[in-house]
């Protein structure tokens, strides 16, 4: 994980996640806990440098078109669901307002 503090105090976070699957699967799920005064924007998902399209459902257990992802805020948690068979997921750049 690489974190850069911006002049306005926000953070740009680059995080690499590798998922290892066994058996049948159709995607990945990631939750990011947030404090009451924090938010996240500019979420991106890439595999081997190729960007996924946003717009898929972020409901756990949902499905969508291949190479898509979705995000939703549930209370103090940002949930991201990737709806495809993935090996490597990258979430850059993510700005967290603190």
C-alpha atoms as a PDB file:
ATOM      1  CA  UNK A   1       0.000   0.000   0.000  1.00  0.00           C
ATOM      2  CA  UNK A   2       1.238   3.470  -0.905  1.00  0.00           C
ATOM      3  CA  UNK A   3      -0.316   6.506   0.801  1.00  0.00           C
ATOM      4  CA  UNK A   4       0.297  10.096  -0.324  1.00  0.00           C
ATOM      5  CA  UNK A   5      -0.877  13.074   1.759  1.00  0.00           C
ATOM      6  CA  UNK A   6      -2.275  15.815  -0.481  1.00  0.00           C
ATOM      7  CA  UNK A   7      -1.939  19.590   0.202  1.00  0.00           C
ATOM      8  CA  UNK A   8      -5.611  19.719   1.289  1.00  0.00           C
ATOM      9  CA  UNK A   9      -5.026  16.951   3.865  1.00  0.00           C
ATOM     10  CA  UNK A  10      -6.741  14.206   1.871  1.00  0.00           C
ATOM     11  CA  UNK A  11      -4.976  10.924   1.152  1.00  0.00           C
ATOM     12  CA  UNK A  12      -4.368   9.155  -2.144  1.00  0.00           C
ATOM     13  CA  UNK A  13      -4.111   5.425  -1.467  1.00  0.00           C
ATOM     14  CA  UNK A  14      -2.836   2.846  -3.961  1.00  0.00           C
ATOM     15  CA  UNK A  15      -3.530  -0.679  -2.738  1.00  0.00           C
ATOM     16  CA  UNK A  16      -2.752  -3.950  -4.510  1.00  0.00           C
ATOM     17  CA  UNK A  17      -4.831  -6.958  -3.536  1.00  0.00           C
ATOM     18  CA  UNK A  18      -4.246 -10.480  -4.810  1.00  0.00           C
ATOM     19  CA  UNK A  19      -7.074 -12.969  -4.430  1.00  0.00           C
ATOM     20  CA  UNK A  20      -6.364 -16.695  -4.530  1.00  0.00           C
ATOM     21  CA  UNK A  21      -9.407 -18.777  -5.449  1.00  0.00           C
ATOM     22  CA  UNK A  22     -10.093 -22.487  -5.253  1.00  0.00           C
ATOM     23  CA  UNK A  23     -13.206 -24.017  -6.786  1.00  0.00           C
ATOM     24  CA  UNK A  24     -16.002 -22.050  -8.434  1.00  0.00           C
ATOM     25  CA  UNK A  25     -16.112 -18.279  -8.024  1.00  0.00           C
ATOM     26  CA  UNK A  26     -17.342 -15.231  -9.901  1.00  0.00           C
ATOM     27  CA  UNK A  27     -15.707 -12.277  -8.207  1.00  0.00           C
ATOM     28  CA  UNK A  28     -14.301 -10.647  -5.095  1.00  0.00           C
ATOM     29  CA  UNK A  29     -15.614  -8.518  -2.244  1.00  0.00           C
ATOM     30  CA  UNK A  30     -13.797  -5.831  -0.226  1.00  0.00           C
ATOM     31  CA  UNK A  31     -14.969  -3.715   2.711  1.00  0.00           C
ATOM     32  CA  UNK A  32     -13.178  -0.549   3.843  1.00  0.00           C
ATOM     33  CA  UNK A  33     -14.206   0.713   7.300  1.00  0.00           C
ATOM     34  CA  UNK A  34     -14.601   4.497   7.579  1.00  0.00           C
ATOM     35  CA  UNK A  35     -14.900   6.901  10.489  1.00  0.00           C
ATOM     36  CA  UNK A  36     -17.942   9.198  10.619  1.00  0.00           C
ATOM     37  CA  UNK A  37     -16.049  12.111   9.038  1.00  0.00           C
ATOM     38  CA  UNK A  38     -14.325  10.087   6.279  1.00  0.00           C
ATOM     39  CA  UNK A  39     -15.370   9.408   2.702  1.00  0.00           C
ATOM     40  CA  UNK A  40     -13.891   7.674  -0.332  1.00  0.00           C
ATOM     41  CA  UNK A  41     -14.172   8.676  -3.977  1.00  0.00           C
ATOM     42  CA  UNK A  42     -12.421   7.866  -7.256  1.00  0.00           C
ATOM     43  CA  UNK A  43     -12.432   4.091  -6.708  1.00  0.00           C
ATOM     44  CA  UNK A  44     -10.981   2.118  -9.623  1.00  0.00           C
ATOM     45  CA  UNK A  45     -10.453  -1.606 -10.196  1.00  0.00           C
ATOM     46  CA  UNK A  46      -7.819  -2.867 -12.634  1.00  0.00           C
ATOM     47  CA  UNK A  47      -6.498  -6.273 -13.673  1.00  0.00           C
ATOM     48  CA  UNK A  48      -3.188  -6.423 -15.532  1.00  0.00           C
ATOM     49  CA  UNK A  49      -3.492  -2.699 -16.242  1.00  0.00           C
ATOM     50  CA  UNK A  50      -7.006  -2.986 -17.738  1.00  0.00           C
ATOM     51  CA  UNK A  51      -9.686  -0.922 -15.999  1.00  0.00           C
ATOM     52  CA  UNK A  52     -13.010  -2.471 -15.050  1.00  0.00           C
ATOM     53  CA  UNK A  53     -16.233  -0.547 -15.710  1.00  0.00           C
ATOM     54  CA  UNK A  54     -18.228   0.732 -12.741  1.00  0.00           C
ATOM     55  CA  UNK A  55     -21.946   0.186 -12.438  1.00  0.00           C
ATOM     56  CA  UNK A  56     -22.291  -3.382 -11.162  1.00  0.00           C
ATOM     57  CA  UNK A  57     -24.273  -4.161  -8.031  1.00  0.00           C
ATOM     58  CA  UNK A  58     -22.279  -4.002  -4.800  1.00  0.00           C
ATOM     59  CA  UNK A  59     -24.649  -6.379  -2.971  1.00  0.00           C
ATOM     60  CA  UNK A  60     -22.788  -9.348  -1.512  1.00  0.00           C
ATOM     61  CA  UNK A  61     -23.637 -12.394  -3.591  1.00  0.00           C
ATOM     62  CA  UNK A  62     -24.802 -10.342  -6.572  1.00  0.00           C
ATOM     63  CA  UNK A  63     -23.485 -10.676 -10.095  1.00  0.00           C
ATOM     64  CA  UNK A  64     -23.005  -8.354 -13.022  1.00  0.00           C
ATOM     65  CA  UNK A  65     -21.423  -8.121 -16.434  1.00  0.00           C
ATOM     66  CA  UNK A  66     -17.826  -9.412 -16.655  1.00  0.00           C
ATOM     67  CA  UNK A  67     -15.121  -6.842 -15.920  1.00  0.00           C
ATOM     68  CA  UNK A  68     -17.386  -4.562 -13.875  1.00  0.00           C
ATOM     69  CA  UNK A  69     -17.378  -3.434 -10.259  1.00  0.00           C
ATOM     70  CA  UNK A  70     -19.734  -1.679  -7.891  1.00  0.00           C
ATOM     71  CA  UNK A  71     -19.413   0.316  -4.697  1.00  0.00           C
ATOM     72  CA  UNK A  72     -21.875   1.229  -1.972  1.00  0.00           C
ATOM     73  CA  UNK A  73     -21.731   2.831   1.450  1.00  0.00           C
ATOM     74  CA  UNK A  74     -23.362   0.901   4.267  1.00  0.00           C
ATOM     75  CA  UNK A  75     -23.142   2.888   7.476  1.00  0.00           C
ATOM     76  CA  UNK A  76     -19.462   3.477   8.134  1.00  0.00           C
ATOM     77  CA  UNK A  77     -18.239   0.937   5.544  1.00  0.00           C
ATOM     78  CA  UNK A  78     -17.529   1.259   1.817  1.00  0.00           C
ATOM     79  CA  UNK A  79     -18.196  -2.067   0.084  1.00  0.00           C
ATOM     80  CA  UNK A  80     -16.701  -2.899  -3.304  1.00  0.00           C
ATOM     81  CA  UNK A  81     -17.768  -5.950  -5.298  1.00  0.00           C
ATOM     82  CA  UNK A  82     -15.868  -7.054  -8.408  1.00  0.00           C
ATOM     83  CA  UNK A  83     -18.065  -9.126 -10.683  1.00  0.00           C
ATOM     84  CA  UNK A  84     -15.709 -11.267 -12.692  1.00  0.00           C
ATOM     85  CA  UNK A  85     -13.129 -13.988 -12.189  1.00  0.00           C
ATOM     86  CA  UNK A  86     -10.081 -11.998 -11.109  1.00  0.00           C
ATOM     87  CA  UNK A  87      -6.561 -12.816 -10.068  1.00  0.00           C
ATOM     88  CA  UNK A  88      -5.246  -9.348  -9.163  1.00  0.00           C
ATOM     89  CA  UNK A  89      -7.283  -6.341  -8.062  1.00  0.00           C
ATOM     90  CA  UNK A  90      -5.896  -2.820  -7.738  1.00  0.00           C
ATOM     91  CA  UNK A  91      -7.844  -0.002  -6.103  1.00  0.00           C
ATOM     92  CA  UNK A  92      -6.067   3.223  -7.148  1.00  0.00           C
ATOM     93  CA  UNK A  93      -6.271   6.136  -6.561  1.00  0.00           C
ATOM     94  CA  UNK A  94      -8.612   6.303  -3.606  1.00  0.00           C
ATOM     95  CA  UNK A  95      -8.975   9.666  -1.888  1.00  0.00           C
ATOM     96  CA  UNK A  96      -9.950   9.506   1.762  1.00  0.00           C
ATOM     97  CA  UNK A  97     -10.994  12.825   3.256  1.00  0.00           C
ATOM     98  CA  UNK A  98      -9.862  13.080   6.875  1.00  0.00           C
END
